[in-house]
Amino acid sequence: MPRSRASGRSASSSRPRPEMGAAPDDIAGAIAFLASPATKFITGQTLFVDGGKSLGGLGL
């Protein structure tokens, strides 16, 4: 697998996951996070559970 020059990680590790939709476990994890005390200062945000697909057009 090719490695990224900047980070030394494999290039595929920075790419979105190939699934077309989020798995139920992914959604459940997001819900558990949002229901936890760790989010007491998070307000008015949109949480995308899409494996990184929403970042595809940002050129990151």
C-alpha atoms as a PDB file:
ATOM      1  CA  MET A   1       0.000   0.000   0.000  1.00  0.00           C
ATOM      2  CA  PRO A   2       1.478   3.438  -0.889  1.00  0.00           C
ATOM      3  CA  ARG A   3       2.504   5.658   2.008  1.00  0.00           C
ATOM      4  CA  SER A   4       1.740   9.354   2.340  1.00  0.00           C
ATOM      5  CA  ARG A   5       4.934  11.429   2.352  1.00  0.00           C
ATOM      6  CA  ALA A   6       3.657  13.908   4.921  1.00  0.00           C
ATOM      7  CA  SER A   7       2.472  11.517   7.621  1.00  0.00           C
ATOM      8  CA  GLY A   8       4.021   8.146   6.827  1.00  0.00           C
ATOM      9  CA  ARG A   9       0.557   6.561   7.051  1.00  0.00           C
ATOM     10  CA  SER A  10      -0.839   4.490   4.238  1.00  0.00           C
ATOM     11  CA  ALA A  11      -2.573   6.672   1.665  1.00  0.00           C
ATOM     12  CA  SER A  12      -5.798   4.694   1.967  1.00  0.00           C
ATOM     13  CA  SER A  13      -6.094   5.470   5.697  1.00  0.00           C
ATOM     14  CA  SER A  14      -6.899   9.100   4.882  1.00  0.00           C
ATOM     15  CA  ARG A  15      -9.570   8.219   2.334  1.00  0.00           C
ATOM     16  CA  PRO A  16     -13.278   7.834   3.110  1.00  0.00           C
ATOM     17  CA  ARG A  17     -14.551   4.357   3.888  1.00  0.00           C
ATOM     18  CA  PRO A  18     -16.032   2.687   0.787  1.00  0.00           C
ATOM     19  CA  GLU A  19     -19.461   1.843   2.262  1.00  0.00           C
ATOM     20  CA  MET A  20     -22.448   3.564   0.697  1.00  0.00           C
ATOM     21  CA  GLY A  21     -24.096   4.164   4.064  1.00  0.00           C
ATOM     22  CA  ALA A  22     -23.286   4.086   7.739  1.00  0.00           C
ATOM     23  CA  ALA A  23     -23.533   0.767   9.570  1.00  0.00           C
ATOM     24  CA  PRO A  24     -25.976   0.541  12.484  1.00  0.00           C
ATOM     25  CA  ASP A  25     -23.012   0.327  14.895  1.00  0.00           C
ATOM     26  CA  ASP A  26     -21.678   3.626  13.510  1.00  0.00           C
ATOM     27  CA  ILE A  27     -25.015   5.344  14.120  1.00  0.00           C
ATOM     28  CA  ALA A  28     -25.315   3.782  17.593  1.00  0.00           C
ATOM     29  CA  GLY A  29     -21.823   5.010  18.478  1.00  0.00           C
ATOM     30  CA  ALA A  30     -22.689   8.546  17.407  1.00  0.00           C
ATOM     31  CA  ILE A  31     -25.908   8.471  19.443  1.00  0.00           C
ATOM     32  CA  ALA A  32     -24.086   7.123  22.503  1.00  0.00           C
ATOM     33  CA  PHE A  33     -21.486   9.885  22.156  1.00  0.00           C
ATOM     34  CA  LEU A  34     -24.125  12.613  21.827  1.00  0.00           C
ATOM     35  CA  ALA A  35     -26.006  11.251  24.856  1.00  0.00           C
ATOM     36  CA  SER A  36     -22.868  11.137  27.002  1.00  0.00           C
ATOM     37  CA  PRO A  37     -21.629  13.797  29.429  1.00  0.00           C
ATOM     38  CA  ALA A  38     -18.637  14.356  27.114  1.00  0.00           C
ATOM     39  CA  THR A  39     -20.852  16.537  24.924  1.00  0.00           C
ATOM     40  CA  LYS A  40     -22.058  18.986  27.558  1.00  0.00           C
ATOM     41  CA  PHE A  41     -20.465  21.931  25.703  1.00  0.00           C
ATOM     42  CA  ILE A  42     -21.498  20.864  22.174  1.00  0.00           C
ATOM     43  CA  THR A  43     -24.465  22.820  20.830  1.00  0.00           C
ATOM     44  CA  GLY A  44     -25.869  23.501  17.388  1.00  0.00           C
ATOM     45  CA  GLN A  45     -23.599  21.162  15.440  1.00  0.00           C
ATOM     46  CA  THR A  46     -24.212  18.710  12.627  1.00  0.00           C
ATOM     47  CA  LEU A  47     -22.524  15.360  13.126  1.00  0.00           C
ATOM     48  CA  PHE A  48     -21.895  13.554   9.851  1.00  0.00           C
ATOM     49  CA  VAL A  49     -21.674   9.773  10.265  1.00  0.00           C
ATOM     50  CA  ASP A  50     -20.522   8.956   6.748  1.00  0.00           C
ATOM     51  CA  GLY A  51     -17.027   7.525   7.063  1.00  0.00           C
ATOM     52  CA  GLY A  52     -15.480  10.755   5.794  1.00  0.00           C
ATOM     53  CA  LYS A  53     -17.397  11.028   2.519  1.00  0.00           C
ATOM     54  CA  SER A  54     -18.500  14.558   3.375  1.00  0.00           C
ATOM     55  CA  LEU A  55     -14.810  15.599   3.358  1.00  0.00           C
ATOM     56  CA  GLY A  56     -14.252  14.362  -0.208  1.00  0.00           C
ATOM     57  CA  GLY A  57     -14.676  17.777  -1.830  1.00  0.00           C
ATOM     58  CA  LEU A  58     -12.461  19.696   0.568  1.00  0.00           C
ATOM     59  CA  GLY A  59      -9.150  18.594  -0.921  1.00  0.00           C
ATOM     60  CA  LEU A  60      -7.759  17.425   2.410  1.00  0.00           C
END
